[in-house]
Structure formats: structure tokens, C-alpha cells
Amino acid sequence: APWAPSRGAVAAGPRPAGAAAARVGPGGRPPGDGSPAARLPNGTIDRLLARLGYLGGGGAKDRRTAILAFEADQGLAPTGAPSLALMSRLLTATP
């Protein structure tokens, strides 16, 4: 007789590995808006903007204005919106 899992056992199928696993939600689809996996790290973006002088102190008082100023200084298209691409640029920018 062919092998079968014992009663109550869950048969495991192939799973995505590494970073791909973090991008896949239930049913093998990317996480939806509002899910914890889809949220941007806005706190990190704010800290990076502040470290570079764009937010708080002598910089802007709100995230959108700070992002617009950073984008203008970097020659990026002005969106004023946080994104993973923006965070990547902030991580490599120097004060």
C-alpha cells in the first residue's frame, strides 16, 4: 500500500524559500494592503529622514514634505510617498 500520513498529520508541500516566503500570503498570493507584511516601515523612514536633516529640527514638520524635499535633492520623481525604493535611497544617502 502507498504511504499516507497518519491521522491528524498535515502533508507538507513545497514552500518558497528565503525572501520569497516573506512576500507570499495565504494561497500563494502577495499580502494584501493593510496586512502586517505589506506595511512600510514608516518609523524607519522617519528616522532616516530626520538623520539626514529633512524631518524635524530644521527640516520639515511632516513626512510628505520631507520626502518631497529629499526626492528633489536626489533628482527623483516627486511623489511625497513612502516606499521601499525610497527607503533604499535613504539608507545609502549621506548627511
Protein backbone atom coordinates (compact mmCIF):
# COMPACT_ATOMS: atom_id res chain seq x y z
CA ALA A 1 0.00 0.00 0.00
CA PRO A 2 1.25 3.52 -0.74
CA TRP A 3 2.41 5.63 2.19
CA ALA A 4 -0.18 8.01 3.67
CA PRO A 5 0.21 10.49 6.53
CA SER A 6 -1.08 9.28 9.86
CA ARG A 7 -4.40 10.56 11.14
CA GLY A 8 -4.17 14.26 12.10
CA ALA A 9 -0.86 14.80 10.29
CA VAL A 10 -0.52 17.54 7.71
CA ALA A 11 1.20 16.68 4.49
CA ALA A 12 3.81 19.30 3.65
CA GLY A 13 4.12 20.61 0.14
CA PRO A 14 6.85 22.69 -1.46
CA ARG A 15 7.37 26.07 0.19
CA PRO A 16 9.01 29.22 -1.08
CA ALA A 17 12.39 29.83 0.46
CA GLY A 18 14.06 32.95 1.83
CA ALA A 19 12.77 36.35 0.81
CA ALA A 20 10.15 34.82 -1.47
CA ALA A 21 8.46 33.28 1.54
CA ALA A 22 8.01 36.72 3.11
CA ARG A 23 6.22 38.04 0.01
CA VAL A 24 3.72 35.22 -0.26
CA GLY A 25 0.48 35.33 1.65
CA PRO A 26 -2.24 32.74 2.08
CA GLY A 27 -2.96 30.88 -1.13
CA GLY A 28 0.43 31.76 -2.60
CA ARG A 29 -0.52 35.38 -3.29
CA PRO A 30 1.32 38.54 -2.18
CA PRO A 31 -0.03 40.05 1.06
CA GLY A 32 -2.90 42.49 0.69
CA ASP A 33 -2.84 46.14 1.61
CA GLY A 34 -3.16 46.61 5.34
CA SER A 35 -1.63 43.25 6.23
CA PRO A 36 1.42 43.33 8.52
CA ALA A 37 3.62 42.02 5.69
CA ALA A 38 2.50 44.81 3.33
CA ARG A 39 3.09 47.74 5.70
CA LEU A 40 6.01 50.02 5.05
CA PRO A 41 8.44 50.69 7.88
CA ASN A 42 7.37 54.34 8.23
CA GLY A 43 9.16 54.70 11.57
CA THR A 44 12.45 53.75 9.90
CA ILE A 45 11.78 56.14 7.02
CA ASP A 46 11.07 58.95 9.53
CA ARG A 47 14.30 58.23 11.44
CA LEU A 48 16.34 58.22 8.23
CA LEU A 49 14.74 61.48 7.06
CA ALA A 50 15.48 63.05 10.47
CA ARG A 51 19.10 61.79 10.46
CA LEU A 52 19.58 63.41 7.06
CA GLY A 53 18.03 66.69 8.28
CA TYR A 54 14.81 66.52 6.25
CA LEU A 55 12.36 65.87 9.08
CA GLY A 56 12.03 67.68 12.42
CA GLY A 57 14.51 70.16 13.83
CA GLY A 58 15.42 72.47 10.95
CA GLY A 59 13.64 70.21 8.44
CA ALA A 60 10.02 69.69 7.52
CA LYS A 61 7.33 69.03 10.12
CA ASP A 62 5.59 66.26 8.19
CA ARG A 63 6.72 63.12 6.35
CA ARG A 64 5.27 64.06 2.94
CA THR A 65 7.07 67.42 2.79
CA ALA A 66 10.32 65.82 3.97
CA ILE A 67 10.08 63.10 1.31
CA LEU A 68 9.38 65.68 -1.40
CA ALA A 69 12.48 67.66 -0.35
CA PHE A 70 14.64 64.53 -0.31
CA GLU A 71 13.32 63.44 -3.71
CA ALA A 72 14.06 66.89 -5.16
CA ASP A 73 17.62 66.88 -3.78
CA GLN A 74 18.22 63.37 -5.17
CA GLY A 75 16.77 64.14 -8.62
CA LEU A 76 13.93 61.66 -8.12
CA ALA A 77 10.38 61.99 -9.42
CA PRO A 78 8.37 63.82 -6.74
CA THR A 79 5.85 61.51 -5.06
CA GLY A 80 5.94 62.52 -1.40
CA ALA A 81 5.02 58.94 -0.57
CA PRO A 82 6.97 56.39 1.46
CA SER A 83 8.08 53.31 -0.46
CA LEU A 84 10.67 50.57 -0.28
CA ALA A 85 12.58 52.23 -3.13
CA LEU A 86 12.65 55.49 -1.15
CA MET A 87 13.87 53.67 1.95
CA SER A 88 16.65 52.10 -0.09
CA ARG A 89 17.79 55.54 -1.27
CA LEU A 90 17.58 56.91 2.28
CA LEU A 91 19.75 54.06 3.59
CA THR A 92 22.52 54.90 1.13
CA ALA A 93 22.28 58.71 1.38
CA THR A 94 24.87 60.64 3.36
CA PRO A 95 24.09 63.60 5.63
